[in-house]
Amino acid sequence: MTSELCTEEEVARLVHSFYARVRQDGQLGPIFAAHVDDWEPHLAKLVDFWSSILRRTGRFTGAPMPKHAALPGLTAELFQHWLALFRENAAAQPNQAMAAQACVMAERIAQSLWLGYQAGRDMRGLLRAPSTGADLLPT
């Protein structure tokens, strides 16, 4: 069962336009360039991922956490920057209902990846939310 929130074309446009921005970005571009050799299959996998989230197609199979956890030198600021670019890209999409839901999910995904990334590395980083930088637990 697929969602009526958006079309497959709208998902593809969201993903392709966002990663075009990422590739041109001074902070994120070099990170992606160092780890993505062939963009076409990577974009196809990302479209499947976002289609599974936004349209409930169930097409995505994979485990993003181990691949992100293996990347060296990621920071909360990089995750915040990724989210800011995502929000800007989403704001430019014609389907704002899809954009709003995508932003909600992007925040959850970024937080989950950041927490997974920090697990076992730095307890202080584990307790910081990437979207706001606020402590997740009271001090």
Protein backbone atom coordinates (compact mmCIF):
# COMPACT_ATOMS: atom_id res chain seq x y z
CA MET A 1 0.00 0.00 0.00
CA THR A 2 1.41 3.38 -0.96
CA SER A 3 0.68 6.75 0.55
CA GLU A 4 -1.19 9.49 -1.27
CA LEU A 5 1.11 12.08 0.33
CA CYS A 6 3.25 12.32 -2.78
CA THR A 7 4.14 10.74 -6.08
CA GLU A 8 7.23 8.74 -6.87
CA GLU A 9 8.36 11.61 -9.12
CA GLU A 10 8.09 14.06 -6.21
CA VAL A 11 10.21 11.79 -4.02
CA ALA A 12 12.83 11.47 -6.76
CA ARG A 13 12.86 15.27 -7.24
CA LEU A 14 13.30 15.82 -3.48
CA VAL A 15 16.19 13.34 -3.28
CA HIS A 16 17.99 14.38 -6.47
CA SER A 17 17.73 18.12 -5.80
CA PHE A 18 18.87 17.67 -2.19
CA TYR A 19 21.93 15.60 -3.04
CA ALA A 20 22.81 17.99 -5.86
CA ARG A 21 23.01 20.66 -3.12
CA VAL A 22 25.00 18.34 -0.86
CA ARG A 23 27.53 17.64 -3.60
CA GLN A 24 28.07 21.37 -4.13
CA ASP A 25 28.27 22.16 -0.42
CA GLY A 26 31.67 23.16 0.93
CA GLN A 27 31.32 21.13 4.13
CA LEU A 28 29.34 18.07 3.05
CA GLY A 29 30.46 17.76 -0.57
CA PRO A 30 33.99 16.55 0.20
CA ILE A 31 32.69 13.96 2.70
CA PHE A 32 30.29 12.50 0.16
CA ALA A 33 32.87 12.69 -2.63
CA ALA A 34 35.27 10.64 -0.53
CA HIS A 35 32.71 7.88 0.09
CA VAL A 36 30.37 7.75 -2.91
CA ASP A 37 32.09 6.52 -6.06
CA ASP A 38 29.05 6.09 -8.30
CA TRP A 39 26.18 8.49 -7.68
CA GLU A 40 23.54 6.82 -9.88
CA PRO A 41 23.12 3.65 -7.77
CA HIS A 42 23.52 5.70 -4.59
CA LEU A 43 20.72 8.06 -5.63
CA ALA A 44 18.54 5.12 -6.63
CA LYS A 45 19.01 3.61 -3.17
CA LEU A 46 18.22 6.98 -1.54
CA VAL A 47 15.05 7.32 -3.62
CA ASP A 48 14.05 3.82 -2.46
CA PHE A 49 14.78 4.85 1.14
CA TRP A 50 12.67 8.03 0.98
CA SER A 51 9.93 6.28 -1.02
CA SER A 52 9.71 3.69 1.75
CA ILE A 53 9.36 6.46 4.33
CA LEU A 54 7.09 8.90 2.50
CA ARG A 55 5.04 6.52 0.34
CA ARG A 56 5.33 3.34 2.43
CA THR A 57 6.48 1.37 -0.59
CA GLY A 58 8.76 -0.93 1.41
CA ARG A 59 11.31 -0.85 -1.42
CA PHE A 60 14.35 0.01 0.68
CA THR A 61 16.46 -2.80 2.00
CA GLY A 62 19.65 -1.98 3.77
CA ALA A 63 21.23 -0.86 6.99
CA PRO A 64 22.35 2.79 6.92
CA MET A 65 23.66 2.83 10.49
CA PRO A 66 26.84 0.72 10.01
CA LYS A 67 27.88 2.71 6.93
CA HIS A 68 27.43 6.04 8.70
CA ALA A 69 29.02 4.78 11.93
CA ALA A 70 32.16 3.85 9.98
CA LEU A 71 32.70 7.42 8.71
CA PRO A 72 35.51 9.27 10.50
CA GLY A 73 35.23 12.72 12.00
CA LEU A 74 31.50 13.45 11.83
CA THR A 75 30.25 16.15 14.19
CA ALA A 76 26.92 17.37 15.51
CA GLU A 77 27.52 20.53 13.47
CA LEU A 78 27.76 18.49 10.25
CA PHE A 79 24.47 16.77 11.07
CA GLN A 80 22.90 20.16 11.82
CA HIS A 81 24.22 21.50 8.52
CA TRP A 82 22.82 18.46 6.67
CA LEU A 83 19.44 19.14 8.27
CA ALA A 84 19.55 22.85 7.38
CA LEU A 85 20.26 21.98 3.74
CA PHE A 86 17.50 19.40 3.81
CA ARG A 87 15.02 21.94 5.17
CA GLU A 88 16.02 24.51 2.53
CA ASN A 89 15.60 21.95 -0.23
CA ALA A 90 12.27 20.77 1.15
CA ALA A 91 11.01 24.36 1.31
CA ALA A 92 11.65 24.67 -2.42
CA GLN A 93 9.49 21.65 -3.30
CA PRO A 94 6.04 22.26 -4.80
CA ASN A 95 4.42 19.59 -2.57
CA GLN A 96 4.69 21.18 0.86
CA ALA A 97 2.76 18.41 2.62
CA MET A 98 5.44 15.98 1.48
CA ALA A 99 8.16 18.48 2.38
CA ALA A 100 6.83 18.90 5.93
CA GLN A 101 6.67 15.14 6.50
CA ALA A 102 10.11 14.66 4.96
CA CYS A 103 11.56 17.25 7.36
CA VAL A 104 10.00 15.52 10.37
CA MET A 105 11.47 12.22 9.24
CA ALA A 106 14.86 13.76 8.39
CA GLU A 107 15.11 15.10 11.94
CA ARG A 108 14.38 11.65 13.36
CA ILE A 109 16.82 9.99 10.98
CA ALA A 110 19.59 12.50 11.74
CA GLN A 111 19.05 12.08 15.47
CA SER A 112 19.09 8.29 15.20
CA LEU A 113 22.23 8.26 13.04
CA TRP A 114 23.96 10.75 15.33
CA LEU A 115 23.13 8.75 18.44
CA GLY A 116 24.32 5.56 16.76
CA TYR A 117 27.45 7.29 15.54
CA GLN A 118 28.27 8.54 19.01
CA ALA A 119 27.57 5.26 20.77
CA GLY A 120 30.83 4.13 22.30
CA ARG A 121 32.71 7.27 21.19
CA ASP A 122 31.82 10.17 23.44
CA MET A 123 29.18 10.16 26.15
CA ARG A 124 28.74 13.93 25.95
CA GLY A 125 28.06 13.73 22.22
CA LEU A 126 25.56 10.94 22.86
CA LEU A 127 23.51 13.33 24.98
CA ARG A 128 23.28 16.13 22.37
CA ALA A 129 20.50 16.33 19.79
CA PRO A 130 21.77 17.12 16.27
CA SER A 131 18.77 19.26 15.30
CA THR A 132 19.04 21.70 18.22
CA GLY A 133 22.32 20.97 19.97
CA ALA A 134 20.30 20.79 23.20
CA ASP A 135 21.04 18.21 25.85
CA LEU A 136 18.76 15.17 25.53
CA LEU A 137 18.99 14.46 29.23
CA PRO A 138 18.86 17.03 32.03
CA THR A 139 22.14 17.85 33.76
